[in-house]
């Protein structure tokens, strides 16, 4: 039996959020979910969907909010910051940070269940570009007749057309939170798996455990050394990201007007303009 939850789901989520707040306030416990995320903005040149890169992403779950972030990008910035603090050498700090293999989507999403607003941080090169947006709840259709075990949890299936893609999600009522990876949320239980119909982007839970709040990465701006935090509109940030993907040389010429732009790979080989051009495959459409 398929049921489209509108007012019923809204009421259920309100009660769920209230119970989570009360329970977690009393125990002062937050949780951390780690997902294996498949996906890349450069997916157009990867013909075999099985070869699309997979990266670890983390979701911190609080009574009133969640924070989703790229673990490789966080590691890069943390190492760069630590080396710079120790040496005061920007070039060495950049070199050490770049040793971290990062094929992830460099995106952080801080979502407030109380205000219904999100702050999205898109990392482009060394900078953080931030924009605010309303949290749009997907219009989930839950199929109560379908259950499967995913990552050790009994899960129910839900589907939704959301931000331009057709998503299938598996959620578990065993973990009573409306949170989920990226901008996916609003189900009566943690989203354990989610994938979109084109086979480019997906999320799969690999671990879930309590977390000490002092280990939170929400204040990740402090790790920036070589870049800056810049605020803009979603449209402008997306346009800048698209330029970075589709014509990296033009992007750097815009960022550093008048400078001679030389782009190299990790081995120091100079890359030509045509080698830096790709079609932009955004997770949103």
Protein backbone atom coordinates (compact mmCIF):
# COMPACT_ATOMS: atom_id res chain seq x y z
CA UNK A 1 0.00 0.00 0.00
CA UNK A 2 1.44 3.33 -1.05
CA UNK A 3 0.60 6.38 0.98
CA UNK A 4 1.41 9.98 0.18
CA UNK A 5 2.12 11.74 3.46
CA UNK A 6 1.15 15.40 3.50
CA UNK A 7 -0.58 16.65 6.64
CA UNK A 8 -0.20 13.29 8.38
CA UNK A 9 3.54 13.18 7.73
CA UNK A 10 3.89 16.80 8.79
CA UNK A 11 2.20 16.05 12.12
CA UNK A 12 4.25 12.89 12.60
CA UNK A 13 7.49 14.74 11.96
CA UNK A 14 6.51 17.50 14.38
CA UNK A 15 5.86 14.94 17.11
CA UNK A 16 9.03 13.08 16.17
CA UNK A 17 11.16 16.22 16.32
CA UNK A 18 9.66 17.13 19.69
CA UNK A 19 10.41 13.71 21.16
CA UNK A 20 13.97 13.80 19.79
CA UNK A 21 14.60 17.22 21.29
CA UNK A 22 13.35 16.12 24.72
CA UNK A 23 15.23 12.83 24.68
CA UNK A 24 18.48 14.29 23.45
CA UNK A 25 18.33 17.31 25.74
CA UNK A 26 18.05 14.97 28.70
CA UNK A 27 20.99 12.81 27.58
CA UNK A 28 23.02 15.58 25.90
CA UNK A 29 23.78 13.09 23.15
CA UNK A 30 24.44 13.83 19.51
CA UNK A 31 25.03 11.26 16.81
CA UNK A 32 27.29 10.88 13.81
CA UNK A 33 26.34 8.97 10.69
CA UNK A 34 28.97 8.24 8.05
CA UNK A 35 27.87 7.66 4.47
CA UNK A 36 29.66 6.42 1.40
CA UNK A 37 28.66 8.96 -1.22
CA UNK A 38 28.94 8.20 -4.91
CA UNK A 39 28.96 11.20 -7.17
CA UNK A 40 30.97 13.92 -8.84
CA UNK A 41 30.34 17.16 -10.69
CA UNK A 42 32.64 15.75 -13.41
CA UNK A 43 30.55 12.59 -13.99
CA UNK A 44 29.83 13.30 -17.66
CA UNK A 45 33.21 11.96 -18.79
CA UNK A 46 32.80 8.75 -16.75
CA UNK A 47 30.88 6.39 -19.02
CA UNK A 48 30.91 3.45 -16.59
CA UNK A 49 28.66 4.39 -13.66
CA UNK A 50 30.52 1.86 -11.46
CA UNK A 51 33.66 3.99 -11.80
CA UNK A 52 32.12 7.16 -10.40
CA UNK A 53 34.18 8.06 -7.30
CA UNK A 54 32.95 7.18 -3.82
CA UNK A 55 33.89 9.34 -0.82
CA UNK A 56 33.11 9.32 2.92
CA UNK A 57 30.70 12.01 4.07
CA UNK A 58 29.54 12.66 7.63
CA UNK A 59 26.20 13.72 9.09
CA UNK A 60 26.15 15.12 12.62
CA UNK A 61 22.67 14.85 14.14
CA UNK A 62 21.60 17.18 16.96
CA UNK A 63 18.25 17.74 18.73
CA UNK A 64 17.46 20.78 16.59
CA UNK A 65 19.77 20.57 13.57
CA UNK A 66 22.04 18.45 11.39
CA UNK A 67 25.38 19.10 9.73
CA UNK A 68 26.47 17.23 6.60
CA UNK A 69 30.03 17.58 5.36
CA UNK A 70 32.79 16.18 3.18
CA UNK A 71 35.28 14.26 5.33
CA UNK A 72 38.13 14.46 2.77
CA UNK A 73 37.71 18.23 2.38
CA UNK A 74 37.60 18.63 6.17
CA UNK A 75 40.82 16.60 6.46
CA UNK A 76 42.50 18.67 3.74
CA UNK A 77 41.64 21.95 5.41
CA UNK A 78 42.59 20.68 8.89
CA UNK A 79 46.03 19.49 7.72
CA UNK A 80 46.65 22.68 5.75
CA UNK A 81 45.75 24.72 8.83
CA UNK A 82 47.96 22.66 11.16
CA UNK A 83 50.99 22.81 8.85
CA UNK A 84 50.61 26.54 8.32
CA UNK A 85 50.32 27.13 12.08
CA UNK A 86 53.52 25.13 12.60
CA UNK A 87 55.58 26.53 9.70
CA UNK A 88 53.97 29.82 8.59
CA UNK A 89 54.67 28.53 5.07
CA UNK A 90 51.64 28.72 2.74
CA UNK A 91 53.26 26.69 -0.04
CA UNK A 92 54.20 23.84 2.31
CA UNK A 93 50.76 23.94 3.94
CA UNK A 94 49.09 23.66 0.54
CA UNK A 95 51.42 20.84 -0.49
CA UNK A 96 50.67 18.80 2.63
CA UNK A 97 46.93 19.40 2.40
CA UNK A 98 46.89 18.27 -1.22
CA UNK A 99 48.30 14.89 -0.19
CA UNK A 100 44.82 13.98 1.05
CA UNK A 101 43.00 12.16 -1.73
CA UNK A 102 39.79 14.12 -2.26
CA UNK A 103 37.33 13.08 -4.94
CA UNK A 104 34.29 14.17 -2.98
CA UNK A 105 31.63 16.76 -3.58
CA UNK A 106 33.05 19.60 -1.47
CA UNK A 107 29.77 20.65 0.09
CA UNK A 108 28.65 21.28 3.68
CA UNK A 109 24.98 21.66 4.69
CA UNK A 110 23.89 22.98 8.10
CA UNK A 111 20.13 22.47 8.49
CA UNK A 112 17.98 23.84 11.31
CA UNK A 113 14.82 21.83 12.05
CA UNK A 114 13.58 24.69 14.25
CA UNK A 115 13.83 27.53 11.71
CA UNK A 116 13.46 25.48 8.52
CA UNK A 117 16.54 27.18 7.06
CA UNK A 118 19.84 25.78 5.78
CA UNK A 119 23.27 27.31 5.36
CA UNK A 120 25.05 25.67 2.44
CA UNK A 121 28.82 25.97 2.08
CA UNK A 122 30.28 25.18 -1.32
CA UNK A 123 34.06 24.84 -1.33
CA UNK A 124 35.59 26.04 -4.61
CA UNK A 125 39.37 25.89 -4.81
CA UNK A 126 40.53 27.30 -1.43
CA UNK A 127 37.46 29.42 -0.68
CA UNK A 128 34.16 28.71 1.08
CA UNK A 129 31.11 30.19 -0.64
CA UNK A 130 28.02 30.30 1.57
CA UNK A 131 24.36 30.82 0.82
CA UNK A 132 21.16 30.44 2.81
CA UNK A 133 18.01 28.72 1.62
CA UNK A 134 14.72 27.39 2.88
CA UNK A 135 14.63 23.70 3.73
CA UNK A 136 12.23 22.19 1.20
CA UNK A 137 10.78 18.90 2.39
CA UNK A 138 10.58 16.31 -0.39
CA UNK A 139 7.04 15.11 -1.10
CA UNK A 140 7.82 11.56 -0.08
CA UNK A 141 5.64 8.65 -1.13
CA UNK A 142 6.15 5.82 1.35
CA UNK A 143 5.47 2.25 0.28
CA UNK A 144 4.45 0.48 3.49
CA UNK A 145 4.44 -2.92 1.78
CA UNK A 146 8.18 -2.88 1.06
CA UNK A 147 10.80 -3.47 3.75
CA UNK A 148 14.46 -4.42 3.40
CA UNK A 149 17.46 -4.64 5.70
CA UNK A 150 20.03 -1.97 4.86
CA UNK A 151 23.28 -1.54 6.80
CA UNK A 152 21.82 -3.71 9.55
CA UNK A 153 18.60 -1.69 9.92
CA UNK A 154 15.07 -2.64 8.94
CA UNK A 155 14.11 -0.02 6.39
CA UNK A 156 11.04 1.20 4.54
CA UNK A 157 11.06 2.54 0.99
CA UNK A 158 10.16 6.08 -0.03
CA UNK A 159 10.33 7.92 -3.34
CA UNK A 160 10.22 11.57 -4.34
CA UNK A 161 10.99 13.90 -7.23
CA UNK A 162 13.26 16.40 -5.51
CA UNK A 163 15.39 19.27 -6.79
CA UNK A 164 15.24 17.96 -10.33
CA UNK A 165 16.00 14.28 -9.72
CA UNK A 166 13.95 11.17 -8.98
CA UNK A 167 15.11 9.82 -5.61
CA UNK A 168 14.54 6.46 -3.94
CA UNK A 169 15.31 6.42 -0.23
CA UNK A 170 15.37 3.75 2.46
CA UNK A 171 14.75 4.97 6.00
CA UNK A 172 14.64 3.26 9.39
CA UNK A 173 12.19 4.09 12.20
CA UNK A 174 14.76 2.48 14.52
CA UNK A 175 16.62 5.80 14.45
CA UNK A 176 13.87 8.40 15.03
CA UNK A 177 15.17 11.51 13.30
CA UNK A 178 14.02 13.38 10.18
CA UNK A 179 17.67 13.91 9.18
CA UNK A 180 19.38 12.56 6.11
CA UNK A 181 22.44 13.08 3.91
CA UNK A 182 22.88 16.20 1.81
CA UNK A 183 19.51 18.01 1.52
CA UNK A 184 17.43 14.84 1.80
CA UNK A 185 15.29 14.84 4.93
CA UNK A 186 11.73 14.72 6.25
CA UNK A 187 11.10 11.00 6.71
CA UNK A 188 10.01 9.41 10.02
CA UNK A 189 13.43 7.85 10.56
CA UNK A 190 17.05 8.22 9.51
CA UNK A 191 17.71 7.89 5.78
CA UNK A 192 20.00 4.87 5.46
CA UNK A 193 20.29 4.75 1.67
CA UNK A 194 19.30 7.07 -1.15
CA UNK A 195 19.94 7.03 -4.88
CA UNK A 196 18.74 8.98 -7.88
CA UNK A 197 17.46 7.44 -11.10
CA UNK A 198 20.42 8.38 -13.33
CA UNK A 199 22.86 6.37 -11.21
CA UNK A 200 25.28 9.26 -10.70
CA UNK A 201 24.58 10.25 -7.09
CA UNK A 202 23.86 7.97 -4.12
CA UNK A 203 24.37 7.68 -0.36
CA UNK A 204 24.82 4.54 1.74
CA UNK A 205 25.17 4.47 5.53
CA UNK A 206 28.38 2.79 6.72
CA UNK A 207 28.25 3.60 10.44
CA UNK A 208 26.08 5.28 13.06
CA UNK A 209 27.12 6.02 16.65
CA UNK A 210 26.90 8.58 19.47
CA UNK A 211 29.34 11.47 19.15
CA UNK A 212 30.96 13.76 21.67
CA UNK A 213 29.83 17.28 20.83
CA UNK A 214 33.37 18.60 21.32
CA UNK A 215 34.33 16.65 18.19
CA UNK A 216 31.85 18.58 16.05
CA UNK A 217 33.04 20.02 12.74
CA UNK A 218 30.32 22.67 12.45
CA UNK A 219 32.86 25.43 13.09
CA UNK A 220 34.89 24.33 10.06
CA UNK A 221 35.56 27.89 8.85
CA UNK A 222 38.38 28.11 11.41
CA UNK A 223 40.45 25.67 9.35
CA UNK A 224 40.67 28.00 6.35
CA UNK A 225 44.17 29.38 5.84
CA UNK A 226 44.68 29.94 2.13
CA UNK A 227 41.12 30.95 1.30
CA UNK A 228 38.27 33.08 2.58
CA UNK A 229 34.61 32.76 3.51
CA UNK A 230 32.37 34.54 1.03
CA UNK A 231 28.59 34.96 1.15
CA UNK A 232 26.46 35.19 -1.96
CA UNK A 233 23.22 33.95 -3.50
CA UNK A 234 22.68 30.31 -4.43
CA UNK A 235 22.41 31.24 -8.10
CA UNK A 236 25.76 33.05 -8.13
CA UNK A 237 27.57 30.32 -6.19
CA UNK A 238 26.20 27.67 -8.53
CA UNK A 239 27.26 29.71 -11.56
CA UNK A 240 30.78 30.06 -10.15
CA UNK A 241 30.97 26.33 -9.43
CA UNK A 242 29.82 25.59 -12.96
CA UNK A 243 32.59 27.81 -14.36
CA UNK A 244 35.15 26.03 -12.17
CA UNK A 245 34.06 22.67 -13.59
CA UNK A 246 33.51 23.62 -17.22
CA UNK A 247 36.50 25.95 -17.74
CA UNK A 248 38.97 25.94 -14.84
CA UNK A 249 41.48 28.14 -16.64
CA UNK A 250 38.87 30.83 -17.24
CA UNK A 251 37.80 30.53 -13.59
CA UNK A 252 41.31 31.28 -12.32
CA UNK A 253 41.78 34.10 -14.82
CA UNK A 254 38.63 35.67 -13.39
CA UNK A 255 39.76 35.15 -9.78
CA UNK A 256 43.27 36.46 -10.50
CA UNK A 257 42.83 39.08 -13.27
CA UNK A 258 46.03 39.96 -15.09
CA UNK A 259 47.97 37.04 -13.64
CA UNK A 260 49.56 34.30 -15.73
CA UNK A 261 47.60 31.16 -14.93
CA UNK A 262 49.46 27.84 -14.98
CA UNK A 263 47.57 24.77 -13.79
CA UNK A 264 49.38 21.54 -12.98
CA UNK A 265 48.35 18.07 -11.91
CA UNK A 266 49.57 16.44 -8.68
CA UNK A 267 52.76 15.34 -10.43
CA UNK A 268 53.60 18.86 -11.58
CA UNK A 269 52.63 18.34 -15.22
CA UNK A 270 51.18 21.41 -16.92
CA UNK A 271 47.57 20.99 -18.02
CA UNK A 272 46.22 22.59 -21.17
CA UNK A 273 42.92 24.43 -21.42
CA UNK A 274 41.11 21.63 -23.22
CA UNK A 275 42.16 19.17 -20.50
CA UNK A 276 40.42 21.31 -17.90
CA UNK A 277 37.01 21.50 -19.53
CA UNK A 278 34.18 19.25 -18.41
CA UNK A 279 30.42 19.26 -18.49
CA UNK A 280 28.90 20.28 -15.16
CA UNK A 281 26.72 17.52 -13.67
CA UNK A 282 25.11 19.08 -10.60
CA UNK A 283 23.31 17.00 -7.98
CA UNK A 284 20.49 19.54 -8.39
CA UNK A 285 18.91 20.38 -11.71
